[in-house]
Amino acid sequence: MTAVSPDGLVAVAVAAPFVGALVIPIFHERPNLREAVTLATAAVLFLAVLGALGPVLDGGRPQAEIINVAPGLELAFRVEPLGMLFALVASALWIVNSIYSIGYMRGNN
């Protein structure tokens, strides 16, 4: 099994919420499966961010290039130290928020 590169982890962190948002509505009739997908998406995002932490702490700047618009002009996500701190906090809170919202929504049907 090969490890995912830091650049690949950035791409996973960007893509995971979008994939989750597309998959979760498919299971709207099956709440247990829907909530499992919600928690799995949150966990994948947190693990991807956590995996990119080491390279950023070592001075690296992993990035995911989305599209090359023109020569020398690209749309990309590059991880800076402050952005990494924000990503860690936000992805950890997403897990907590997901757990809370599952109980809240089940309590209100």
PDB file of N, CA and C in Angstrom:
ATOM      1  N   MET A   1       0.844  -1.172   0.000  1.00  0.00           N
ATOM      2  CA  MET A   1       0.000   0.000   0.000  1.00  0.00           C
ATOM      3  C   MET A   1       0.889   1.234   0.000  1.00  0.00           C
ATOM      4  N   THR A   2       0.636   2.170  -0.896  1.00  0.00           N
ATOM      5  CA  THR A   2       1.439   3.373  -0.970  1.00  0.00           C
ATOM      6  C   THR A   2       0.763   4.503  -0.208  1.00  0.00           C
ATOM      7  N   ALA A   3       1.576   5.347   0.359  1.00  0.00           N
ATOM      8  CA  ALA A   3       1.057   6.508   1.083  1.00  0.00           C
ATOM      9  C   ALA A   3       0.654   7.585   0.086  1.00  0.00           C
ATOM     10  N   VAL A   4      -0.305   8.377   0.469  1.00  0.00           N
ATOM     11  CA  VAL A   4      -0.757   9.485  -0.377  1.00  0.00           C
ATOM     12  C   VAL A   4       0.202  10.651  -0.174  1.00  0.00           C
ATOM     13  N   SER A   5       0.563  11.304  -1.256  1.00  0.00           N
ATOM     14  CA  SER A   5       1.475  12.441  -1.170  1.00  0.00           C
ATOM     15  C   SER A   5       0.777  13.617  -0.481  1.00  0.00           C
ATOM     16  N   PRO A   6       1.546  14.560   0.058  1.00  0.00           N
ATOM     17  CA  PRO A   6       0.915  15.742   0.657  1.00  0.00           C
ATOM     18  C   PRO A   6       0.034  16.501  -0.330  1.00  0.00           C
ATOM     19  N   ASP A   7       0.458  16.580  -1.591  1.00  0.00           N
ATOM     20  CA  ASP A   7      -0.378  17.235  -2.596  1.00  0.00           C
ATOM     21  C   ASP A   7      -1.680  16.471  -2.807  1.00  0.00           C
ATOM     22  N   GLY A   8      -1.594  15.149  -2.760  1.00  0.00           N
ATOM     23  CA  GLY A   8      -2.795  14.326  -2.885  1.00  0.00           C
ATOM     24  C   GLY A   8      -3.733  14.509  -1.701  1.00  0.00           C
ATOM     25  N   LEU A   9      -3.153  14.697  -0.504  1.00  0.00           N
ATOM     26  CA  LEU A   9      -3.976  14.923   0.681  1.00  0.00           C
ATOM     27  C   LEU A   9      -4.729  16.246   0.586  1.00  0.00           C
ATOM     28  N   VAL A  10      -4.106  17.247   0.001  1.00  0.00           N
ATOM     29  CA  VAL A  10      -4.791  18.528  -0.200  1.00  0.00           C
ATOM     30  C   VAL A  10      -5.971  18.332  -1.144  1.00  0.00           C
ATOM     31  N   ALA A  11      -5.762  17.569  -2.212  1.00  0.00           N
ATOM     32  CA  ALA A  11      -6.850  17.296  -3.150  1.00  0.00           C
ATOM     33  C   ALA A  11      -7.983  16.522  -2.470  1.00  0.00           C
ATOM     34  N   VAL A  12      -7.639  15.560  -1.627  1.00  0.00           N
ATOM     35  CA  VAL A  12      -8.658  14.802  -0.890  1.00  0.00           C
ATOM     36  C   VAL A  12      -9.423  15.721   0.043  1.00  0.00           C
ATOM     37  N   ALA A  13      -8.701  16.607   0.741  1.00  0.00           N
ATOM     38  CA  ALA A  13      -9.357  17.532   1.676  1.00  0.00           C
ATOM     39  C   ALA A  13     -10.304  18.483   0.956  1.00  0.00           C
ATOM     40  N   VAL A  14      -9.967  18.872  -0.252  1.00  0.00           N
ATOM     41  CA  VAL A  14     -10.846  19.758  -1.021  1.00  0.00           C
ATOM     42  C   VAL A  14     -12.041  18.981  -1.569  1.00  0.00           C
ATOM     43  N   ALA A  15     -11.813  17.761  -2.020  1.00  0.00           N
ATOM     44  CA  ALA A  15     -12.870  16.986  -2.683  1.00  0.00           C
ATOM     45  C   ALA A  15     -13.832  16.299  -1.721  1.00  0.00           C
ATOM     46  N   ALA A  16     -13.376  15.922  -0.538  1.00  0.00           N
ATOM     47  CA  ALA A  16     -14.207  15.131   0.380  1.00  0.00           C
ATOM     48  C   ALA A  16     -15.554  15.777   0.705  1.00  0.00           C
ATOM     49  N   PRO A  17     -15.619  17.058   1.060  1.00  0.00           N
ATOM     50  CA  PRO A  17     -16.933  17.643   1.348  1.00  0.00           C
ATOM     51  C   PRO A  17     -17.875  17.639   0.144  1.00  0.00           C
ATOM     52  N   PHE A  18     -17.319  17.851  -1.049  1.00  0.00           N
ATOM     53  CA  PHE A  18     -18.162  17.844  -2.247  1.00  0.00           C
ATOM     54  C   PHE A  18     -18.702  16.448  -2.536  1.00  0.00           C
ATOM     55  N   VAL A  19     -17.855  15.440  -2.393  1.00  0.00           N
ATOM     56  CA  VAL A  19     -18.304  14.064  -2.603  1.00  0.00           C
ATOM     57  C   VAL A  19     -19.363  13.694  -1.567  1.00  0.00           C
ATOM     58  N   GLY A  20     -19.114  14.058  -0.309  1.00  0.00           N
ATOM     59  CA  GLY A  20     -20.096  13.795   0.742  1.00  0.00           C
ATOM     60  C   GLY A  20     -21.423  14.478   0.470  1.00  0.00           C
ATOM     61  N   ALA A  21     -21.369  15.720   0.002  1.00  0.00           N
ATOM     62  CA  ALA A  21     -22.599  16.451  -0.304  1.00  0.00           C
ATOM     63  C   ALA A  21     -23.380  15.804  -1.439  1.00  0.00           C
ATOM     64  N   LEU A  22     -22.709  15.127  -2.339  1.00  0.00           N
ATOM     65  CA  LEU A  22     -23.390  14.435  -3.434  1.00  0.00           C
ATOM     66  C   LEU A  22     -23.939  13.080  -3.000  1.00  0.00           C
ATOM     67  N   VAL A  23     -23.243  12.406  -2.084  1.00  0.00           N
ATOM     68  CA  VAL A  23     -23.633  11.050  -1.685  1.00  0.00           C
ATOM     69  C   VAL A  23     -24.704  11.057  -0.594  1.00  0.00           C
ATOM     70  N   ILE A  24     -24.624  11.976   0.340  1.00  0.00           N
ATOM     71  CA  ILE A  24     -25.557  11.996   1.478  1.00  0.00           C
ATOM     72  C   ILE A  24     -27.022  12.043   1.045  1.00  0.00           C
ATOM     73  N   PRO A  25     -27.422  12.869   0.090  1.00  0.00           N
ATOM     74  CA  PRO A  25     -28.839  12.890  -0.300  1.00  0.00           C
ATOM     75  C   PRO A  25     -29.341  11.576  -0.910  1.00  0.00           C
ATOM     76  N   ILE A  26     -28.447  10.770  -1.428  1.00  0.00           N
ATOM     77  CA  ILE A  26     -28.859   9.485  -2.002  1.00  0.00           C
ATOM     78  C   ILE A  26     -29.504   8.611  -0.933  1.00  0.00           C
ATOM     79  N   PHE A  27     -29.058   8.757   0.308  1.00  0.00           N
ATOM     80  CA  PHE A  27     -29.544   7.922   1.401  1.00  0.00           C
ATOM     81  C   PHE A  27     -30.543   8.652   2.301  1.00  0.00           C
ATOM     82  N   HIS A  28     -31.308   9.595   1.742  1.00  0.00           N
ATOM     83  CA  HIS A  28     -32.233  10.364   2.574  1.00  0.00           C
ATOM     84  C   HIS A  28     -33.323   9.497   3.210  1.00  0.00           C
ATOM     85  N   GLU A  29     -33.617   8.354   2.636  1.00  0.00           N
ATOM     86  CA  GLU A  29     -34.633   7.448   3.194  1.00  0.00           C
ATOM     87  C   GLU A  29     -34.042   6.479   4.227  1.00  0.00           C
ATOM     88  N   ARG A  30     -32.724   6.422   4.322  1.00  0.00           N
ATOM     89  CA  ARG A  30     -32.057   5.494   5.241  1.00  0.00           C
ATOM     90  C   ARG A  30     -31.153   6.286   6.185  1.00  0.00           C
ATOM     91  N   PRO A  31     -31.725   6.762   7.297  1.00  0.00           N
ATOM     92  CA  PRO A  31     -30.977   7.679   8.156  1.00  0.00           C
ATOM     93  C   PRO A  31     -29.684   7.105   8.739  1.00  0.00           C
ATOM     94  N   ASN A  32     -29.653   5.836   9.080  1.00  0.00           N
ATOM     95  CA  ASN A  32     -28.425   5.271   9.639  1.00  0.00           C
ATOM     96  C   ASN A  32     -27.288   5.298   8.627  1.00  0.00           C
ATOM     97  N   LEU A  33     -27.580   4.944   7.394  1.00  0.00           N
ATOM     98  CA  LEU A  33     -26.572   4.956   6.346  1.00  0.00           C
ATOM     99  C   LEU A  33     -26.179   6.392   5.996  1.00  0.00           C
ATOM    100  N   ARG A  34     -27.161   7.269   5.941  1.00  0.00           N
ATOM    101  CA  ARG A  34     -26.896   8.681   5.650  1.00  0.00           C
ATOM    102  C   ARG A  34     -25.942   9.270   6.693  1.00  0.00           C
ATOM    103  N   GLU A  35     -26.195   8.966   7.948  1.00  0.00           N
ATOM    104  CA  GLU A  35     -25.361   9.519   9.009  1.00  0.00           C
ATOM    105  C   GLU A  35     -23.986   8.855   9.046  1.00  0.00           C
ATOM    106  N   ALA A  36     -23.914   7.602   8.647  1.00  0.00           N
ATOM    107  CA  ALA A  36     -22.609   6.941   8.536  1.00  0.00           C
ATOM    108  C   ALA A  36     -21.768   7.613   7.451  1.00  0.00           C
ATOM    109  N   VAL A  37     -22.399   7.962   6.342  1.00  0.00           N
ATOM    110  CA  VAL A  37     -21.687   8.661   5.272  1.00  0.00           C
ATOM    111  C   VAL A  37     -21.247  10.040   5.761  1.00  0.00           C
ATOM    112  N   THR A  38     -22.100  10.714   6.517  1.00  0.00           N
ATOM    113  CA  THR A  38     -21.749  12.025   7.065  1.00  0.00           C
ATOM    114  C   THR A  38     -20.512  11.931   7.945  1.00  0.00           C
ATOM    115  N   LEU A  39     -20.507  10.966   8.855  1.00  0.00           N
ATOM    116  CA  LEU A  39     -19.366  10.806   9.761  1.00  0.00           C
ATOM    117  C   LEU A  39     -18.121  10.329   9.014  1.00  0.00           C
ATOM    118  N   ALA A  40     -18.298   9.456   8.037  1.00  0.00           N
ATOM    119  CA  ALA A  40     -17.148   8.985   7.254  1.00  0.00           C
ATOM    120  C   ALA A  40     -16.528  10.136   6.455  1.00  0.00           C
ATOM    121  N   THR A  41     -17.357  10.992   5.899  1.00  0.00           N
ATOM    122  CA  THR A  41     -16.856  12.147   5.155  1.00  0.00           C
ATOM    123  C   THR A  41     -16.081  13.081   6.079  1.00  0.00           C
ATOM    124  N   ALA A  42     -16.631  13.330   7.254  1.00  0.00           N
ATOM    125  CA  ALA A  42     -15.945  14.190   8.223  1.00  0.00           C
ATOM    126  C   ALA A  42     -14.623  13.570   8.652  1.00  0.00           C
ATOM    127  N   ALA A  43     -14.598  12.268   8.854  1.00  0.00           N
ATOM    128  CA  ALA A  43     -13.368  11.588   9.264  1.00  0.00           C
ATOM    129  C   ALA A  43     -12.320  11.613   8.161  1.00  0.00           C
ATOM    130  N   VAL A  44     -12.734  11.389   6.927  1.00  0.00           N
ATOM    131  CA  VAL A  44     -11.792  11.427   5.797  1.00  0.00           C
ATOM    132  C   VAL A  44     -11.179  12.823   5.685  1.00  0.00           C
ATOM    133  N   LEU A  45     -11.995  13.854   5.824  1.00  0.00           N
ATOM    134  CA  LEU A  45     -11.482  15.217   5.753  1.00  0.00           C
ATOM    135  C   LEU A  45     -10.475  15.471   6.870  1.00  0.00           C
ATOM    136  N   PHE A  46     -10.825  15.099   8.095  1.00  0.00           N
ATOM    137  CA  PHE A  46      -9.918  15.329   9.220  1.00  0.00           C
ATOM    138  C   PHE A  46      -8.606  14.565   9.040  1.00  0.00           C
ATOM    139  N   LEU A  47      -8.684  13.324   8.608  1.00  0.00           N
ATOM    140  CA  LEU A  47      -7.463  12.535   8.412  1.00  0.00           C
ATOM    141  C   LEU A  47      -6.597  13.092   7.282  1.00  0.00           C
ATOM    142  N   ALA A  48      -7.226  13.605   6.236  1.00  0.00           N
ATOM    143  CA  ALA A  48      -6.456  14.213   5.145  1.00  0.00           C
ATOM    144  C   ALA A  48      -5.739  15.466   5.634  1.00  0.00           C
ATOM    145  N   VAL A  49      -6.429  16.293   6.405  1.00  0.00           N
ATOM    146  CA  VAL A  49      -5.805  17.505   6.947  1.00  0.00           C
ATOM    147  C   VAL A  49      -4.693  17.130   7.918  1.00  0.00           C
ATOM    148  N   LEU A  50      -4.957  16.165   8.770  1.00  0.00           N
ATOM    149  CA  LEU A  50      -3.954  15.724   9.738  1.00  0.00           C
ATOM    150  C   LEU A  50      -2.716  15.152   9.037  1.00  0.00           C
ATOM    151  N   GLY A  51      -2.935  14.435   7.940  1.00  0.00           N
ATOM    152  CA  GLY A  51      -1.822  13.868   7.184  1.00  0.00           C
ATOM    153  C   GLY A  51      -0.956  14.928   6.523  1.00  0.00           C
ATOM    154  N   ALA A  52      -1.545  16.056   6.175  1.00  0.00           N
ATOM    155  CA  ALA A  52      -0.784  17.144   5.546  1.00  0.00           C
ATOM    156  C   ALA A  52      -0.095  18.027   6.579  1.00  0.00           C
ATOM    157  N   LEU A  53      -0.383  17.824   7.850  1.00  0.00           N
ATOM    158  CA  LEU A  53       0.207  18.652   8.909  1.00  0.00           C
ATOM    159  C   LEU A  53       1.727  18.502   8.974  1.00  0.00           C
ATOM    160  N   GLY A  54       2.216  17.278   8.920  1.00  0.00           N
ATOM    161  CA  GLY A  54       3.660  17.044   9.018  1.00  0.00           C
ATOM    162  C   GLY A  54       4.461  17.805   7.981  1.00  0.00           C
ATOM    163  N   PRO A  55       4.128  17.674   6.711  1.00  0.00           N
ATOM    164  CA  PRO A  55       4.881  18.419   5.692  1.00  0.00           C
ATOM    165  C   PRO A  55       4.819  19.935   5.882  1.00  0.00           C
ATOM    166  N   VAL A  56       3.685  20.451   6.342  1.00  0.00           N
ATOM    167  CA  VAL A  56       3.584  21.891   6.561  1.00  0.00           C
ATOM    168  C   VAL A  56       4.466  22.309   7.732  1.00  0.00           C
ATOM    169  N   LEU A  57       4.484  21.505   8.795  1.00  0.00           N
ATOM    170  CA  LEU A  57       5.345  21.813   9.941  1.00  0.00           C
ATOM    171  C   LEU A  57       6.823  21.726   9.574  1.00  0.00           C
ATOM    172  N   ASP A  58       7.140  20.901   8.574  1.00  0.00           N
ATOM    173  CA  ASP A  58       8.525  20.780   8.096  1.00  0.00           C
ATOM    174  C   ASP A  58       8.897  21.883   7.112  1.00  0.00           C
ATOM    175  N   GLY A  59       7.997  22.819   6.877  1.00  0.00           N
ATOM    176  CA  GLY A  59       8.283  23.937   5.985  1.00  0.00           C
ATOM    177  C   GLY A  59       7.765  23.768   4.576  1.00  0.00           C
ATOM    178  N   GLY A  60       7.116  22.659   4.275  1.00  0.00           N
ATOM    179  CA  GLY A  60       6.580  22.432   2.944  1.00  0.00           C
ATOM    180  C   GLY A  60       5.291  23.216   2.719  1.00  0.00           C
ATOM    181  N   ARG A  61       4.930  23.367   1.483  1.00  0.00           N
ATOM    182  CA  ARG A  61       3.684  24.026   1.106  1.00  0.00           C
ATOM    183  C   ARG A  61       2.954  23.147   0.086  1.00  0.00           C
ATOM    184  N   PRO A  62       2.316  22.056   0.585  1.00  0.00           N
ATOM    185  CA  PRO A  62       1.609  21.192  -0.370  1.00  0.00           C
ATOM    186  C   PRO A  62       0.505  21.962  -1.077  1.00  0.00           C
ATOM    187  N   GLN A  63       0.247  21.557  -2.304  1.00  0.00           N
ATOM    188  CA  GLN A  63      -0.795  22.238  -3.075  1.00  0.00           C
ATOM    189  C   GLN A  63      -1.487  21.273  -4.006  1.00  0.00           C
ATOM    190  N   ALA A  64      -2.699  21.640  -4.367  1.00  0.00           N
ATOM    191  CA  ALA A  64      -3.464  20.886  -5.356  1.00  0.00           C
ATOM    192  C   ALA A  64      -3.835  21.847  -6.473  1.00  0.00           C
ATOM    193  N   GLU A  65      -3.286  21.609  -7.644  1.00  0.00           N
ATOM    194  CA  GLU A  65      -3.605  22.448  -8.789  1.00  0.00           C
ATOM    195  C   GLU A  65      -4.915  21.954  -9.391  1.00  0.00           C
ATOM    196  N   ILE A  66      -5.874  22.843  -9.500  1.00  0.00           N
ATOM    197  CA  ILE A  66      -7.189  22.485 -10.017  1.00  0.00           C
ATOM    198  C   ILE A  66      -7.226  22.615 -11.543  1.00  0.00           C
ATOM    199  N   ILE A  67      -6.838  23.772 -12.025  1.00  0.00           N
ATOM    200  CA  ILE A  67      -6.867  23.987 -13.471  1.00  0.00           C
ATOM    201  C   ILE A  67      -5.800  25.019 -13.833  1.00  0.00           C
ATOM    202  N   ASN A  68      -5.181  24.826 -14.975  1.00  0.00           N
ATOM    203  CA  ASN A  68      -4.219  25.775 -15.496  1.00  0.00           C
ATOM    204  C   ASN A  68      -4.971  26.670 -16.472  1.00  0.00           C
ATOM    205  N   VAL A  69      -5.301  27.878 -16.046  1.00  0.00           N
ATOM    206  CA  VAL A  69      -6.120  28.786 -16.848  1.00  0.00           C
ATOM    207  C   VAL A  69      -5.357  29.282 -18.067  1.00  0.00           C
ATOM    208  N   ALA A  70      -4.137  29.697 -17.837  1.00  0.00           N
ATOM    209  CA  ALA A  70      -3.279  30.200 -18.910  1.00  0.00           C
ATOM    210  C   ALA A  70      -1.838  29.963 -18.460  1.00  0.00           C
ATOM    211  N   PRO A  71      -0.883  30.092 -19.358  1.00  0.00           N
ATOM    212  CA  PRO A  71       0.508  29.929 -18.942  1.00  0.00           C
ATOM    213  C   PRO A  71       0.858  30.894 -17.799  1.00  0.00           C
ATOM    214  N   GLY A  72       1.269  30.329 -16.690  1.00  0.00           N
ATOM    215  CA  GLY A  72       1.620  31.133 -15.520  1.00  0.00           C
ATOM    216  C   GLY A  72       0.443  31.524 -14.646  1.00  0.00           C
ATOM    217  N   LEU A  73      -0.774  31.106 -15.005  1.00  0.00           N
ATOM    218  CA  LEU A  73      -1.962  31.444 -14.221  1.00  0.00           C
ATOM    219  C   LEU A  73      -2.744  30.163 -13.948  1.00  0.00           C
ATOM    220  N   GLU A  74      -2.726  29.751 -12.689  1.00  0.00           N
ATOM    221  CA  GLU A  74      -3.396  28.502 -12.322  1.00  0.00           C
ATOM    222  C   GLU A  74      -4.325  28.738 -11.143  1.00  0.00           C
ATOM    223  N   LEU A  75      -5.353  27.919 -11.070  1.00  0.00           N
ATOM    224  CA  LEU A  75      -6.237  27.886  -9.913  1.00  0.00           C
ATOM    225  C   LEU A  75      -5.770  26.719  -9.065  1.00  0.00           C
ATOM    226  N   ALA A  76      -5.286  27.026  -7.851  1.00  0.00           N
ATOM    227  CA  ALA A  76      -4.709  25.988  -7.011  1.00  0.00           C
ATOM    228  C   ALA A  76      -5.003  26.295  -5.548  1.00  0.00           C
ATOM    229  N   PHE A  77      -4.955  25.251  -4.726  1.00  0.00           N
ATOM    230  CA  PHE A  77      -5.065  25.383  -3.280  1.00  0.00           C
ATOM    231  C   PHE A  77      -3.691  25.079  -2.698  1.00  0.00           C
ATOM    232  N   ARG A  78      -3.085  26.062  -2.055  1.00  0.00           N
ATOM    233  CA  ARG A  78      -1.774  25.884  -1.435  1.00  0.00           C
ATOM    234  C   ARG A  78      -1.947  26.052   0.072  1.00  0.00           C
ATOM    235  N   VAL A  79      -1.374  25.149   0.835  1.00  0.00           N
ATOM    236  CA  VAL A  79      -1.543  25.156   2.286  1.00  0.00           C
ATOM    237  C   VAL A  79      -0.434  25.976   2.933  1.00  0.00           C
ATOM    238  N   GLU A  80      -0.834  27.005   3.643  1.00  0.00           N
ATOM    239  CA  GLU A  80       0.066  27.833   4.446  1.00  0.00           C
ATOM    240  C   GLU A  80      -0.123  27.453   5.912  1.00  0.00           C
ATOM    241  N   PRO A  81       0.829  27.780   6.787  1.00  0.00           N
ATOM    242  CA  PRO A  81       0.700  27.383   8.199  1.00  0.00           C
ATOM    243  C   PRO A  81      -0.584  27.872   8.880  1.00  0.00           C
ATOM    244  N   LEU A  82      -0.972  29.115   8.667  1.00  0.00           N
ATOM    245  CA  LEU A  82      -2.194  29.617   9.286  1.00  0.00           C
ATOM    246  C   LEU A  82      -3.424  28.922   8.710  1.00  0.00           C
ATOM    247  N   GLY A  83      -3.407  28.657   7.424  1.00  0.00           N
ATOM    248  CA  GLY A  83      -4.493  27.906   6.795  1.00  0.00           C
ATOM    249  C   GLY A  83      -4.588  26.489   7.327  1.00  0.00           C
ATOM    250  N   MET A  84      -3.432  25.897   7.634  1.00  0.00           N
ATOM    251  CA  MET A  84      -3.410  24.550   8.210  1.00  0.00           C
ATOM    252  C   MET A  84      -4.051  24.555   9.588  1.00  0.00           C
ATOM    253  N   LEU A  85      -3.751  25.580  10.384  1.00  0.00           N
ATOM    254  CA  LEU A  85      -4.371  25.690  11.703  1.00  0.00           C
ATOM    255  C   LEU A  85      -5.886  25.795  11.572  1.00  0.00           C
ATOM    256  N   PHE A  86      -6.348  26.636  10.675  1.00  0.00           N
ATOM    257  CA  PHE A  86      -7.776  26.784  10.446  1.00  0.00           C
ATOM    258  C   PHE A  86      -8.395  25.481   9.955  1.00  0.00           C
ATOM    259  N   ALA A  87      -7.728  24.791   9.049  1.00  0.00           N
ATOM    260  CA  ALA A  87      -8.248  23.527   8.520  1.00  0.00           C
ATOM    261  C   ALA A  87      -8.351  22.471   9.610  1.00  0.00           C
ATOM    262  N   LEU A  88      -7.372  22.406  10.492  1.00  0.00           N
ATOM    263  CA  LEU A  88      -7.425  21.446  11.604  1.00  0.00           C
ATOM    264  C   LEU A  88      -8.599  21.731  12.530  1.00  0.00           C
ATOM    265  N   VAL A  89      -8.767  22.999  12.894  1.00  0.00           N
ATOM    266  CA  VAL A  89      -9.874  23.364  13.786  1.00  0.00           C
ATOM    267  C   VAL A  89     -11.212  23.093  13.109  1.00  0.00           C
ATOM    268  N   ALA A  90     -11.355  23.526  11.864  1.00  0.00           N
ATOM    269  CA  ALA A  90     -12.632  23.369  11.161  1.00  0.00           C
ATOM    270  C   ALA A  90     -12.981  21.905  10.930  1.00  0.00           C
ATOM    271  N   SER A  91     -11.998  21.095  10.540  1.00  0.00           N
ATOM    272  CA  SER A  91     -12.297  19.687  10.272  1.00  0.00           C
ATOM    273  C   SER A  91     -12.590  18.918  11.556  1.00  0.00           C
ATOM    274  N   ALA A  92     -11.934  19.274  12.652  1.00  0.00           N
ATOM    275  CA  ALA A  92     -12.241  18.630  13.936  1.00  0.00           C
ATOM    276  C   ALA A  92     -13.631  19.033  14.416  1.00  0.00           C
ATOM    277  N   LEU A  93     -13.967  20.302  14.246  1.00  0.00           N
ATOM    278  CA  LEU A  93     -15.300  20.763  14.659  1.00  0.00           C
ATOM    279  C   LEU A  93     -16.402  20.190  13.772  1.00  0.00           C
ATOM    280  N   TRP A  94     -16.076  19.849  12.523  1.00  0.00           N
ATOM    281  CA  TRP A  94     -17.081  19.252  11.656  1.00  0.00           C
ATOM    282  C   TRP A  94     -17.513  17.898  12.209  1.00  0.00           C
ATOM    283  N   ILE A  95     -16.576  17.146  12.750  1.00  0.00           N
ATOM    284  CA  ILE A  95     -16.923  15.850  13.358  1.00  0.00           C
ATOM    285  C   ILE A  95     -17.851  16.076  14.548  1.00  0.00           C
ATOM    286  N   VAL A  96     -17.486  17.008  15.418  1.00  0.00           N
ATOM    287  CA  VAL A  96     -18.313  17.299  16.593  1.00  0.00           C
ATOM    288  C   VAL A  96     -19.689  17.795  16.164  1.00  0.00           C
ATOM    289  N   ASN A  97     -19.722  18.682  15.186  1.00  0.00           N
ATOM    290  CA  ASN A  97     -20.982  19.216  14.692  1.00  0.00           C
ATOM    291  C   ASN A  97     -21.848  18.123  14.074  1.00  0.00           C
ATOM    292  N   SER A  98     -21.237  17.206  13.364  1.00  0.00           N
ATOM    293  CA  SER A  98     -22.004  16.109  12.754  1.00  0.00           C
ATOM    294  C   SER A  98     -22.652  15.233  13.810  1.00  0.00           C
ATOM    295  N   ILE A  99     -21.903  14.922  14.858  1.00  0.00           N
ATOM    296  CA  ILE A  99     -22.457  14.100  15.941  1.00  0.00           C
ATOM    297  C   ILE A  99     -23.620  14.828  16.614  1.00  0.00           C
ATOM    298  N   TYR A 100     -23.431  16.123  16.878  1.00  0.00           N
ATOM    299  CA  TYR A 100     -24.498  16.905  17.505  1.00  0.00           C
ATOM    300  C   TYR A 100     -25.727  16.973  16.606  1.00  0.00           C
ATOM    301  N   SER A 101     -25.518  17.242  15.324  1.00  0.00           N
ATOM    302  CA  SER A 101     -26.663  17.422  14.423  1.00  0.00           C
ATOM    303  C   SER A 101     -27.432  16.122  14.214  1.00  0.00           C
ATOM    304  N   ILE A 102     -26.755  14.979  14.279  1.00  0.00           N
ATOM    305  CA  ILE A 102     -27.459  13.701  14.160  1.00  0.00           C
ATOM    306  C   ILE A 102     -28.456  13.566  15.291  1.00  0.00           C
ATOM    307  N   GLY A 103     -28.019  13.813  16.523  1.00  0.00           N
ATOM    308  CA  GLY A 103     -28.933  13.741  17.657  1.00  0.00           C
ATOM    309  C   GLY A 103     -30.023  14.784  17.597  1.00  0.00           C
ATOM    310  N   TYR A 104     -29.679  15.969  17.185  1.00  0.00           N
ATOM    311  CA  TYR A 104     -30.654  17.051  17.089  1.00  0.00           C
ATOM    312  C   TYR A 104     -31.737  16.738  16.059  1.00  0.00           C
ATOM    313  N   MET A 105     -31.310  16.308  14.885  1.00  0.00           N
ATOM    314  CA  MET A 105     -32.278  16.027  13.814  1.00  0.00           C
ATOM    315  C   MET A 105     -33.129  14.805  14.139  1.00  0.00           C
ATOM    316  N   ARG A 106     -32.558  13.802  14.773  1.00  0.00           N
ATOM    317  CA  ARG A 106     -33.371  12.636  15.160  1.00  0.00           C
ATOM    318  C   ARG A 106     -34.379  13.018  16.235  1.00  0.00           C
ATOM    319  N   GLY A 107     -33.997  13.921  17.123  1.00  0.00           N
ATOM    320  CA  GLY A 107     -34.916  14.365  18.169  1.00  0.00           C
ATOM    321  C   GLY A 107     -36.082  15.179  17.617  1.00  0.00           C
ATOM    322  N   ASN A 108     -35.879  15.827  16.491  1.00  0.00           N
ATOM    323  CA  ASN A 108     -36.929  16.646  15.879  1.00  0.00           C
ATOM    324  C   ASN A 108     -37.557  15.996  14.655  1.00  0.00           C
ATOM    325  N   ASN A 109     -37.224  14.732  14.433  1.00  0.00           N
ATOM    326  CA  ASN A 109     -37.717  13.990  13.272  1.00  0.00           C
ATOM    327  C   ASN A 109     -37.450  14.745  11.981  1.00  0.00           C
TER     328      ASN A 109
END
